[in-house]
Amino acid sequence: MTTTRAAANPDGTSALALLRILRDQWLIVTLSIVVCIASGLIARQLVPSSYTAHSDLLISPVDPADDTFIGIDVFRNVSSDPTANSLALARYLDTSATAEIVKRRLRLHDSAAALLSAMSVVPVSQTNIASITTTSPSARTAQVLANAFADAAVERRTQQVQSDIQRVIARLQDQLKRSSNPNSQQVLVVQQRLATLRSLVGLPDPTLSILNLADSPGAPNTPSAKLVAVASALAGILLGLALALIAETYGGKIRREDDLQRYRLPVLARVPRLPQKAVKDYFAGRANLPPAAWEPYRSLRANILRTTDPGQTPVIVVTSAGAGDGKTLTALNLAITLAAQDMRVILVDGDFRRPMIGSIFGIPAPRDGFTSTFVRGDGKAAMVDVPLHSGLRLLLPTLHDMTQIDQLDADGVAKAFATLRGQADAIVVDSAPAGEVSDALLLASAADFTLIAVRTGHTRRQHFDALRDALAQYGIAASGLVVAVQTPPAPTVYGSTMPVAVDLRRVLTGVPREGTPRPSRSTRSNF
């Protein structure tokens, strides 16, 4: 039989899949949000505070038709967009020459580049105003810098305008000296312009003035704690989602039965999740399982027998994606339920590295267990009867003999199962996780049924995918799943069970407790 890999989940990238991932990985997302918020608030306290101050310059452009300022570099109203003059002023301010004036005025030791890095000029849209912004760790320094840059701009512009005025005055005076008719109209115009220009000598640039001086900033630029918390929470959600996707891709667990639908395998039994202590006590023989925990194994038995041909001895291999998924418990209880129907059952412990079946029944491993059956074809030599279970026998591996794994091959396994079929009505094999070791695949390749034990909240999706790939490479079609769900067993009045106080190991091995009559078959087998 050959299996093919199931198609990817059709809603794998949908909003529902994303919500499922968030629901499954809520702890990662929550921790990411908490860590990001805490980091943001701590960084807010550790980052040095800074202060920002603002001063404004006003441009009063002259009319282009005014001949007074011909030859003088002043701001003119040559564009319908007043912002053009503000942009020119911004470029004028953001120069090392302006910074040198600020440095000289304030007697600073900082470089011009450092001063310019603390200052920015922003033209106010659709106005003749340019806003100077300075930033400093000190509120006083920020205020002084903003005002100093405004004064430096006016000073530079004044120097430029005064230089141009002196140059134009000299040129006009020279023009008057060379005039032949001092009473001509042209001379009168030149004299009037000279008078106007002489009135401007020593005055600031008439087209640039300080509109607003900077006030001392009252509070630092540190964002509010609430804003930091909200921004950090959003960053934490994004980070948590990314980590959740990574965890889901490379280490996500199968958390509920719905996660198994993409594999298109039938669920043959749903076993309620039992507390770890209850399973340990059951394996140690100190307590029995609750009645509701046995019903799924009856259902599993019915599902297997209804698909088994009359007279056929089915070989049932129980495997899993990894340790702790419940395969040994499934194999053990399936064998017990089959034997309860007066069937001759051989329970094979095929987990050669971590055998547990013998210790559960209190039966020591034989000296020549696995080798005699799977190598020499002698099944009777390695067979061990379970007291009080006349229909149940065990085939245990040789303890601490790893050479038996190397002696395993497909032909030997097929011949061994053929030999065992003549001695039993059903053969149940507890194999190692097939996704991790190859000998489990050899056992499954010769079996009639391959059951996969899955424990929701424990089985990792990556390991389950590896198991499916390994089975497909060997041409093995999994028969179905035995799912240990997280729902605890519900109380029931149906079915029988042993008293809670009974020592299971003593019952299974036929050794009653002192003063306790030997239990009947119905009480010792739970059926």
Protein backbone atom coordinates (compact mmCIF):
# COMPACT_ATOMS: atom_id res chain seq x y z
CA MET A 1 0.00 0.00 0.00
CA THR A 2 1.20 3.46 -0.87
CA THR A 3 0.28 6.77 0.62
CA THR A 4 0.70 10.25 -0.75
CA ARG A 5 1.26 13.38 1.20
CA ALA A 6 -1.94 15.25 1.90
CA ALA A 7 -2.35 18.62 0.32
CA ALA A 8 -1.57 21.65 2.34
CA ASN A 9 -4.28 23.16 4.41
CA PRO A 10 -6.39 25.24 2.00
CA ASP A 11 -6.86 28.00 4.55
CA GLY A 12 -3.23 27.92 5.64
CA THR A 13 -2.75 31.58 4.77
CA SER A 14 -6.27 32.74 5.56
CA ALA A 15 -7.42 34.90 8.44
CA LEU A 16 -8.88 31.84 10.17
CA ALA A 17 -5.52 30.10 10.09
CA LEU A 18 -3.87 33.23 11.46
CA LEU A 19 -6.40 33.42 14.28
CA ARG A 20 -5.80 29.76 15.06
CA ILE A 21 -2.07 30.37 15.28
CA LEU A 22 -2.63 33.34 17.59
CA ARG A 23 -4.91 31.22 19.74
CA ASP A 24 -2.41 28.38 19.92
CA GLN A 25 0.63 30.60 20.43
CA TRP A 26 -1.05 33.16 22.71
CA LEU A 27 1.69 32.84 25.31
CA ILE A 28 4.40 33.87 22.81
CA VAL A 29 2.33 36.83 21.62
CA THR A 30 1.54 37.90 25.19
CA LEU A 31 5.18 37.69 26.27
CA SER A 32 6.24 39.66 23.19
CA ILE A 33 3.77 42.44 24.00
CA VAL A 34 4.84 42.57 27.65
CA VAL A 35 8.54 42.58 26.78
CA CYS A 36 8.10 45.29 24.13
CA ILE A 37 6.06 47.52 26.44
CA ALA A 38 8.57 47.09 29.26
CA SER A 39 11.49 47.76 26.90
CA GLY A 40 9.81 50.87 25.49
CA LEU A 41 9.12 52.33 28.92
CA ILE A 42 12.64 51.55 30.13
CA ALA A 43 14.15 53.08 26.99
CA ARG A 44 12.01 56.16 27.53
CA GLN A 45 13.63 56.61 30.91
CA LEU A 46 17.17 55.86 29.73
CA VAL A 47 17.23 57.97 26.56
CA PRO A 48 18.60 61.46 27.34
CA SER A 49 15.97 64.18 27.31
CA SER A 50 16.10 66.91 24.67
CA TYR A 51 14.41 70.28 24.38
CA THR A 52 13.21 72.09 21.28
CA ALA A 53 12.88 75.85 20.78
CA HIS A 54 11.40 77.81 17.86
CA SER A 55 12.01 81.29 16.49
CA ASP A 56 10.44 82.85 13.39
CA LEU A 57 11.79 85.14 10.67
CA LEU A 58 9.51 87.34 8.56
CA ILE A 59 10.31 88.25 4.97
CA SER A 60 8.89 91.56 3.68
CA PRO A 61 9.68 91.47 -0.03
CA VAL A 62 9.91 94.74 -2.00
CA ASP A 63 7.92 95.45 -5.13
CA PRO A 64 9.85 94.58 -8.28
CA ALA A 65 8.84 98.03 -9.69
CA ASP A 66 10.68 99.85 -6.84
CA ASP A 67 13.90 101.24 -8.41
CA THR A 68 15.42 102.10 -5.01
CA PHE A 69 16.90 98.66 -4.47
CA ILE A 70 18.22 98.05 -7.99
CA GLY A 71 21.60 96.42 -7.59
CA ILE A 72 20.95 95.51 -3.94
CA ASP A 73 20.39 91.89 -2.86
CA VAL A 74 17.04 92.05 -1.09
CA PHE A 75 13.99 89.79 -1.17
CA ARG A 76 11.65 90.75 -3.98
CA ASN A 77 8.08 89.72 -4.63
CA VAL A 78 8.83 88.00 -7.92
CA SER A 79 6.62 84.92 -7.48
CA SER A 80 2.97 84.29 -6.71
CA ASP A 81 4.10 81.70 -4.15
CA PRO A 82 5.53 83.44 -1.08
CA THR A 83 7.14 80.18 -0.01
CA ALA A 84 9.84 80.69 -2.64
CA ASN A 85 11.49 83.44 -0.58
CA SER A 86 11.22 81.27 2.56
CA LEU A 87 13.01 78.41 0.80
CA ALA A 88 15.77 80.76 -0.29
CA LEU A 89 16.14 81.99 3.29
CA ALA A 90 16.26 78.38 4.56
CA ARG A 91 19.16 77.60 2.21
CA TYR A 92 20.82 80.83 3.32
CA LEU A 93 20.56 79.87 6.98
CA ASP A 94 21.79 76.32 6.57
CA THR A 95 25.36 77.33 5.79
CA SER A 96 28.60 77.29 7.72
CA ALA A 97 28.86 81.07 7.41
CA THR A 98 25.68 81.50 9.49
CA ALA A 99 26.90 78.88 11.99
CA GLU A 100 30.22 80.71 12.38
CA ILE A 101 28.36 83.88 13.34
CA VAL A 102 26.39 81.92 15.97
CA LYS A 103 29.59 80.38 17.25
CA ARG A 104 31.24 83.81 17.55
CA ARG A 105 28.22 85.44 19.18
CA LEU A 106 27.82 82.70 21.81
CA ARG A 107 31.56 82.02 22.19
CA LEU A 108 31.02 78.32 21.63
CA HIS A 109 33.66 75.65 21.01
CA ASP A 110 31.39 73.47 18.92
CA SER A 111 32.08 73.12 15.22
CA ALA A 112 29.88 74.76 12.63
CA ALA A 113 28.71 71.32 11.49
CA ALA A 114 27.65 70.42 15.04
CA LEU A 115 25.66 73.64 15.34
CA LEU A 116 23.96 73.08 11.99
CA SER A 117 23.03 69.52 13.01
CA ALA A 118 21.11 70.95 15.98
CA MET A 119 19.19 73.41 13.78
CA SER A 120 16.59 73.08 11.07
CA VAL A 121 14.63 75.65 9.03
CA VAL A 122 11.10 74.93 7.86
CA PRO A 123 9.26 77.40 5.59
CA VAL A 124 5.68 77.89 6.70
CA SER A 125 3.52 76.95 3.74
CA GLN A 126 1.99 79.80 1.71
CA THR A 127 3.55 82.47 3.95
CA ASN A 128 6.68 84.62 4.07
CA ILE A 129 7.64 83.08 7.40
CA ALA A 130 10.57 80.72 8.04
CA SER A 131 10.57 78.82 11.32
CA ILE A 132 13.91 78.01 12.97
CA THR A 133 13.95 74.93 15.22
CA THR A 134 16.87 74.02 17.49
CA THR A 135 17.31 70.97 19.71
CA SER A 136 19.56 70.62 22.75
CA PRO A 137 19.77 68.60 25.98
CA SER A 138 19.32 71.92 27.81
CA ALA A 139 16.18 74.05 27.56
CA ARG A 140 18.21 77.24 27.93
CA THR A 141 20.68 76.20 25.23
CA ALA A 142 17.87 75.37 22.81
CA GLN A 143 16.33 78.81 23.35
CA VAL A 144 19.65 80.66 22.97
CA LEU A 145 20.53 78.74 19.79
CA ALA A 146 17.17 79.45 18.15
CA ASN A 147 17.48 83.17 18.83
CA ALA A 148 21.16 83.21 17.88
CA PHE A 149 20.44 81.70 14.45
CA ALA A 150 17.68 84.27 13.90
CA ASP A 151 20.03 87.11 14.85
CA ALA A 152 22.80 85.61 12.70
CA ALA A 153 20.48 85.50 9.69
CA VAL A 154 19.56 89.16 10.14
CA GLU A 155 23.23 90.08 10.71
CA ARG A 156 24.41 88.29 7.56
CA ARG A 157 21.64 89.80 5.50
CA THR A 158 22.38 93.26 6.94
CA GLN A 159 26.08 92.95 6.09
CA GLN A 160 25.20 91.91 2.56
CA VAL A 161 22.63 94.70 2.07
CA GLN A 162 24.90 97.42 3.59
CA SER A 163 27.74 96.32 1.37
CA ASP A 164 25.47 96.54 -1.67
CA ILE A 165 24.15 99.99 -0.57
CA GLN A 166 27.67 101.39 -0.22
CA ARG A 167 28.60 100.05 -3.60
CA VAL A 168 25.48 101.55 -5.28
CA ILE A 169 25.98 104.92 -3.51
CA ALA A 170 29.55 105.11 -4.76
CA ARG A 171 28.42 104.30 -8.25
CA LEU A 172 25.67 106.96 -8.18
CA GLN A 173 28.04 109.61 -6.79
CA ASP A 174 30.49 108.88 -9.56
CA GLN A 175 27.63 109.18 -12.04
CA LEU A 176 26.75 112.68 -10.69
CA LYS A 177 30.34 113.86 -10.96
CA ARG A 178 30.43 112.92 -14.60
CA SER A 179 27.09 114.64 -15.35
CA SER A 180 27.41 117.80 -17.60
CA ASN A 181 24.01 119.28 -16.69
CA PRO A 182 23.39 119.32 -12.90
CA ASN A 183 19.85 120.56 -13.38
CA SER A 184 18.69 117.84 -15.71
CA GLN A 185 15.81 115.54 -14.78
CA GLN A 186 18.07 112.51 -14.79
CA VAL A 187 20.35 114.11 -12.21
CA LEU A 188 17.38 114.91 -10.00
CA VAL A 189 16.27 111.25 -10.06
CA VAL A 190 19.77 110.09 -9.13
CA GLN A 191 19.93 112.61 -6.28
CA GLN A 192 16.57 111.43 -4.91
CA ARG A 193 17.74 107.79 -4.98
CA LEU A 194 21.00 108.77 -3.29
CA ALA A 195 19.06 110.44 -0.51
CA THR A 196 16.93 107.34 0.00
CA LEU A 197 19.91 105.01 0.07
CA ARG A 198 21.84 107.27 2.48
CA SER A 199 18.86 107.02 4.85
CA LEU A 200 19.27 103.23 4.84
CA VAL A 201 22.96 103.28 5.76
CA GLY A 202 23.51 101.44 9.05
CA LEU A 203 20.01 99.97 9.14
CA PRO A 204 19.16 96.23 8.98
CA ASP A 205 17.94 94.50 5.85
CA PRO A 206 14.52 96.10 5.31
CA THR A 207 13.15 92.85 3.83
CA LEU A 208 14.04 90.54 6.77
CA SER A 209 13.07 90.83 10.43
CA ILE A 210 12.59 88.65 13.50
CA LEU A 211 8.90 87.89 13.92
CA ASN A 212 9.09 85.78 17.10
CA LEU A 213 11.95 85.12 19.47
CA ALA A 214 12.17 81.65 21.01
CA ASP A 215 10.79 81.03 24.47
CA SER A 216 12.39 78.61 26.88
CA PRO A 217 10.76 75.17 26.31
CA GLY A 218 8.84 74.07 29.36
CA ALA A 219 9.00 70.30 28.83
CA PRO A 220 11.41 67.88 27.13
CA ASN A 221 10.60 66.12 23.87
CA THR A 222 10.17 62.74 25.61
CA PRO A 223 6.95 61.11 24.35
CA SER A 224 4.24 60.37 26.88
CA ALA A 225 4.27 57.03 28.64
CA LYS A 226 0.85 56.22 27.19
CA LEU A 227 2.06 56.82 23.62
CA VAL A 228 5.16 54.72 24.22
CA ALA A 229 3.06 51.91 25.68
CA VAL A 230 0.64 51.90 22.74
CA ALA A 231 3.43 51.98 20.13
CA SER A 232 5.35 49.27 21.98
CA ALA A 233 2.22 47.12 22.23
CA LEU A 234 1.70 47.36 18.46
CA ALA A 235 5.34 46.43 17.90
CA GLY A 236 4.92 43.55 20.36
CA ILE A 237 1.90 42.26 18.45
CA LEU A 238 3.84 42.26 15.18
CA LEU A 239 6.86 40.65 16.81
CA GLY A 240 4.70 38.10 18.61
CA LEU A 241 2.91 37.23 15.40
CA ALA A 242 6.23 36.71 13.61
CA LEU A 243 7.53 34.53 16.44
CA ALA A 244 4.24 32.62 16.54
CA LEU A 245 4.49 31.90 12.80
CA ILE A 246 8.09 30.72 13.25
CA ALA A 247 7.13 28.55 16.23
CA GLU A 248 4.17 27.14 14.33
CA THR A 249 6.32 26.36 11.29
CA TYR A 250 9.31 24.84 13.04
CA GLY A 251 7.99 23.71 16.42
CA GLY A 252 4.22 23.97 16.44
CA LYS A 253 2.19 21.34 18.22
CA ILE A 254 -0.98 19.59 17.15
CA ARG A 255 -3.25 21.18 19.72
CA ARG A 256 -6.65 19.90 18.72
CA GLU A 257 -8.23 17.30 16.50
CA ASP A 258 -9.06 19.93 13.86
CA ASP A 259 -5.33 20.28 13.18
CA LEU A 260 -5.32 16.68 11.89
CA GLN A 261 -7.93 17.22 9.18
CA ARG A 262 -5.29 18.29 6.67
CA TYR A 263 -3.78 14.80 6.79
CA ARG A 264 -7.05 13.14 5.75
CA LEU A 265 -6.66 10.18 8.08
CA PRO A 266 -9.64 8.68 9.90
CA VAL A 267 -9.77 8.93 13.67
CA LEU A 268 -10.41 5.40 14.88
CA ALA A 269 -10.53 6.25 18.58
CA ARG A 270 -10.54 9.31 20.79
CA VAL A 271 -8.88 8.61 24.10
CA PRO A 272 -9.48 11.14 26.90
CA ARG A 273 -6.37 12.74 28.29
CA LEU A 274 -5.38 11.17 31.57
CA PRO A 275 -3.25 12.85 34.24
CA GLN A 276 0.39 11.85 34.05
CA LYS A 277 0.20 10.39 37.54
CA ALA A 278 -2.76 8.21 36.58
CA VAL A 279 -0.82 6.75 33.62
CA LYS A 280 2.28 6.15 35.75
CA ASP A 281 0.20 4.46 38.45
CA TYR A 282 -1.47 2.31 35.78
CA PHE A 283 1.86 1.27 34.26
CA ALA A 284 3.25 0.60 37.74
CA GLY A 285 0.23 -1.53 38.65
CA ARG A 286 -0.97 0.69 41.46
CA ALA A 287 -4.32 1.70 39.97
CA ASN A 288 -6.66 0.98 37.09
CA LEU A 289 -7.89 3.38 34.42
CA PRO A 290 -11.36 4.91 34.85
CA PRO A 291 -14.20 3.15 32.98
CA ALA A 292 -14.58 5.98 30.47
CA ALA A 293 -10.94 5.58 29.45
CA TRP A 294 -11.56 1.99 28.31
CA GLU A 295 -14.47 2.74 25.98
CA PRO A 296 -12.29 4.26 23.21
CA TYR A 297 -10.22 1.05 23.08
CA ARG A 298 -13.41 -0.99 22.65
CA SER A 299 -14.27 1.32 19.75
CA LEU A 300 -10.77 0.85 18.31
CA ARG A 301 -11.14 -2.91 18.59
CA ALA A 302 -14.49 -2.77 16.78
CA ASN A 303 -13.07 -0.58 13.98
CA ILE A 304 -10.22 -3.00 13.39
CA LEU A 305 -12.24 -6.22 13.55
CA ARG A 306 -14.97 -4.98 11.20
CA THR A 307 -12.37 -4.45 8.46
CA THR A 308 -10.62 -7.77 9.08
CA ASP A 309 -11.55 -10.70 6.87
CA PRO A 310 -12.96 -13.78 8.63
CA GLY A 311 -10.16 -16.14 9.55
CA GLN A 312 -7.49 -13.49 9.05
CA THR A 313 -4.94 -12.82 11.78
CA PRO A 314 -4.35 -9.08 11.65
CA VAL A 315 -0.94 -7.63 12.48
CA ILE A 316 -1.47 -4.22 14.07
CA VAL A 317 1.51 -1.91 14.48
CA VAL A 318 1.09 1.06 16.79
CA THR A 319 3.58 3.86 16.25
CA SER A 320 3.79 7.62 16.80
CA ALA A 321 5.67 10.72 15.76
CA GLY A 322 7.67 10.90 18.97
CA ALA A 323 8.01 9.74 22.54
CA GLY A 324 5.17 10.46 24.93
CA ASP A 325 2.40 10.37 22.31
CA GLY A 326 0.65 7.34 23.90
CA LYS A 327 1.58 4.49 21.56
CA THR A 328 2.53 2.05 24.34
CA LEU A 329 -0.69 2.73 26.22
CA THR A 330 -2.65 2.24 22.99
CA ALA A 331 -0.90 -1.02 22.09
CA LEU A 332 -1.27 -2.39 25.62
CA ASN A 333 -4.95 -1.59 26.03
CA LEU A 334 -5.81 -2.69 22.48
CA ALA A 335 -4.20 -6.08 23.17
CA ILE A 336 -6.12 -6.40 26.45
CA THR A 337 -9.44 -5.55 24.80
CA LEU A 338 -8.82 -8.05 21.98
CA ALA A 339 -7.93 -10.76 24.48
CA ALA A 340 -11.11 -9.97 26.40
CA GLN A 341 -13.09 -11.34 23.43
CA ASP A 342 -11.48 -14.78 23.86
CA MET A 343 -8.99 -14.06 21.08
CA ARG A 344 -5.45 -15.34 21.14
CA VAL A 345 -3.38 -12.17 21.15
CA ILE A 346 0.38 -11.73 20.90
CA LEU A 347 1.62 -8.37 22.14
CA VAL A 348 5.04 -7.65 20.61
CA ASP A 349 7.31 -5.09 22.22
CA GLY A 350 8.93 -3.71 19.06
CA ASP A 351 10.48 -0.69 20.76
CA PHE A 352 13.91 -2.26 21.09
CA ARG A 353 15.57 0.84 22.49
CA ARG A 354 13.01 1.64 25.20
CA PRO A 355 11.03 -1.56 25.88
CA MET A 356 8.26 -1.12 28.45
CA ILE A 357 5.74 -3.95 27.97
CA GLY A 358 7.63 -6.48 30.09
CA SER A 359 8.11 -4.09 33.00
CA ILE A 360 4.42 -3.17 32.95
CA PHE A 361 3.41 -6.79 33.42
CA GLY A 362 6.30 -7.45 35.79
CA ILE A 363 7.83 -9.99 33.42
CA PRO A 364 11.63 -9.91 32.91
CA ALA A 365 13.04 -9.78 29.39
CA PRO A 366 14.12 -13.18 28.02
CA ARG A 367 17.69 -13.99 27.09
CA ASP A 368 16.78 -14.95 23.56
CA GLY A 369 13.59 -13.07 22.85
CA PHE A 370 13.64 -11.11 19.65
CA THR A 371 16.48 -13.00 18.00
CA SER A 372 14.81 -16.42 18.18
CA THR A 373 11.63 -15.18 16.52
CA PHE A 374 12.79 -12.69 13.91
CA VAL A 375 16.07 -14.38 12.99
CA ARG A 376 15.58 -18.12 13.54
CA GLY A 377 11.80 -18.17 13.13
CA ASP A 378 11.24 -19.84 16.52
CA GLY A 379 8.27 -18.02 18.01
CA LYS A 380 7.56 -20.37 20.88
CA ALA A 381 10.98 -19.98 22.49
CA ALA A 382 10.51 -16.26 23.02
CA MET A 383 6.80 -16.30 23.88
CA VAL A 384 5.77 -15.44 27.45
CA ASP A 385 2.28 -16.14 28.79
CA VAL A 386 0.58 -13.51 30.91
CA PRO A 387 -0.96 -15.08 34.03
CA LEU A 388 -4.75 -14.70 34.32
CA HIS A 389 -4.88 -13.66 30.66
CA SER A 390 -5.06 -17.00 28.93
CA GLY A 391 -5.45 -15.38 25.56
CA LEU A 392 -2.61 -12.86 25.94
CA ARG A 393 1.06 -13.64 25.32
CA LEU A 394 4.07 -11.37 25.09
CA LEU A 395 6.99 -11.32 22.67
CA LEU A 396 9.71 -9.26 24.31
CA PRO A 397 13.04 -8.07 22.93
CA THR A 398 16.33 -9.20 24.37
CA LEU A 399 17.30 -6.60 26.94
CA HIS A 400 20.43 -4.51 26.25
CA ASP A 401 21.12 -6.31 22.96
CA MET A 402 21.33 -3.70 20.23
CA THR A 403 22.62 -6.25 17.70
CA GLN A 404 19.04 -7.45 17.30
CA ILE A 405 18.22 -4.16 15.54
CA ASP A 406 20.95 -4.74 12.96
CA GLN A 407 19.62 -8.26 12.30
CA LEU A 408 16.22 -6.90 11.35
CA ASP A 409 15.28 -6.95 7.66
CA ALA A 410 12.08 -6.96 5.64
CA ASP A 411 12.17 -10.67 4.79
CA GLY A 412 12.85 -11.66 8.38
CA VAL A 413 9.98 -9.53 9.66
CA ALA A 414 7.56 -10.95 7.08
CA LYS A 415 8.57 -14.54 7.93
CA ALA A 416 8.31 -13.87 11.65
CA PHE A 417 4.82 -12.42 11.32
CA ALA A 418 3.82 -15.39 9.15
CA THR A 419 5.02 -17.71 11.93
CA LEU A 420 3.17 -15.75 14.60
CA ARG A 421 -0.06 -15.67 12.60
CA GLY A 422 -0.33 -19.44 13.03
CA GLN A 423 -0.19 -19.05 16.79
CA ALA A 424 -2.61 -16.16 17.37
CA ASP A 425 -5.84 -14.52 16.28
CA ALA A 426 -4.34 -11.03 16.45
CA ILE A 427 -0.86 -9.57 16.76
CA VAL A 428 -0.33 -6.13 18.28
CA VAL A 429 3.09 -4.49 17.94
CA ASP A 430 4.26 -1.58 20.07
CA SER A 431 6.94 -0.12 17.79
CA ALA A 432 9.34 2.76 18.24
CA PRO A 433 8.38 6.16 16.76
CA ALA A 434 8.50 5.49 13.02
CA GLY A 435 9.57 9.01 12.22
CA GLU A 436 12.77 8.57 14.22
CA VAL A 437 13.99 4.97 13.63
CA SER A 438 13.92 2.75 10.55
CA ASP A 439 13.21 -0.57 12.32
CA ALA A 440 9.72 0.69 13.15
CA LEU A 441 9.14 1.18 9.42
CA LEU A 442 10.22 -2.39 8.71
CA LEU A 443 7.66 -3.67 11.21
CA ALA A 444 4.93 -1.44 9.77
CA SER A 445 5.71 -2.48 6.18
CA ALA A 446 4.75 -6.08 7.00
CA ALA A 447 1.65 -5.18 9.05
CA ASP A 448 -2.02 -5.14 8.05
CA PHE A 449 -2.85 -2.08 10.14
CA THR A 450 -0.62 0.86 11.06
CA LEU A 451 -2.07 3.01 13.81
CA ILE A 452 -0.60 6.39 14.69
CA ALA A 453 -0.98 7.57 18.28
CA VAL A 454 -1.37 11.33 18.57
CA ARG A 455 -1.48 13.32 21.77
CA THR A 456 -2.99 16.78 21.28
CA GLY A 457 -0.96 19.51 22.89
CA HIS A 458 2.14 17.28 22.83
CA THR A 459 2.70 15.85 19.34
CA ARG A 460 4.72 18.28 17.26
CA ARG A 461 3.48 18.98 13.76
CA GLN A 462 6.99 18.89 12.34
CA HIS A 463 7.56 15.41 13.78
CA PHE A 464 4.19 14.22 12.52
CA ASP A 465 5.04 15.47 9.02
CA ALA A 466 8.34 13.59 9.21
CA LEU A 467 6.45 10.44 10.23
CA ARG A 468 4.05 10.77 7.28
CA ASP A 469 6.97 11.28 4.90
CA ALA A 470 8.78 8.23 6.28
CA LEU A 471 5.68 6.05 5.93
CA ALA A 472 5.14 7.28 2.37
CA GLN A 473 8.75 6.46 1.42
CA TYR A 474 8.19 2.88 2.57
CA GLY A 475 4.84 2.68 0.78
CA ILE A 476 2.94 2.35 4.05
CA ALA A 477 -0.61 3.65 4.27
CA ALA A 478 -1.56 4.60 7.79
CA SER A 479 -4.86 2.96 8.77
CA GLY A 480 -5.95 5.72 11.11
CA LEU A 481 -5.30 7.74 14.20
CA VAL A 482 -5.75 7.15 17.89
CA VAL A 483 -6.05 10.64 19.32
CA ALA A 484 -5.51 11.42 22.98
CA VAL A 485 -7.65 14.53 23.37
CA GLN A 486 -7.32 17.05 26.18
CA THR A 487 -10.86 16.41 27.44
CA PRO A 488 -10.77 14.46 30.73
CA PRO A 489 -12.72 11.19 30.87
CA ALA A 490 -16.39 11.76 31.69
CA PRO A 491 -18.01 9.71 34.48
CA THR A 492 -20.07 6.80 33.21
CA VAL A 493 -22.32 4.18 34.72
CA TYR A 494 -21.68 1.78 31.85
CA GLY A 495 -18.82 -0.69 31.59
CA SER A 496 -17.01 -2.46 34.37
CA THR A 497 -13.68 -1.76 35.95
CA MET A 498 -11.52 -2.99 38.71
CA PRO A 499 -11.76 -1.36 42.12
CA VAL A 500 -9.54 1.68 42.35
CA ALA A 501 -7.57 0.22 45.24
CA VAL A 502 -6.62 -2.98 43.37
CA ASP A 503 -2.93 -3.58 42.60
CA LEU A 504 -2.99 -3.91 38.80
CA ARG A 505 0.40 -5.57 38.56
CA ARG A 506 -0.63 -8.24 41.04
CA VAL A 507 -3.85 -8.81 39.12
CA LEU A 508 -2.15 -8.97 35.72
CA THR A 509 0.59 -11.28 36.99
CA GLY A 510 -1.81 -13.46 38.97
CA VAL A 511 -0.49 -12.62 42.42
CA PRO A 512 -3.39 -11.47 44.64
CA ARG A 513 -2.92 -9.16 47.57
CA GLU A 514 -2.89 -10.73 50.99
CA GLY A 515 -6.37 -11.36 52.30
CA THR A 516 -7.91 -10.57 48.93
CA PRO A 517 -9.65 -13.30 46.96
CA ARG A 518 -8.37 -13.86 43.40
CA PRO A 519 -10.43 -11.56 41.14
CA SER A 520 -12.69 -13.01 38.55
CA ARG A 521 -12.01 -12.59 34.81
CA SER A 522 -14.57 -9.79 34.45
CA THR A 523 -12.93 -7.69 37.15
CA ARG A 524 -9.34 -8.29 36.17
CA SER A 525 -9.77 -7.53 32.48
CA ASN A 526 -12.25 -4.66 32.83
CA PHE A 527 -14.53 -6.26 30.25
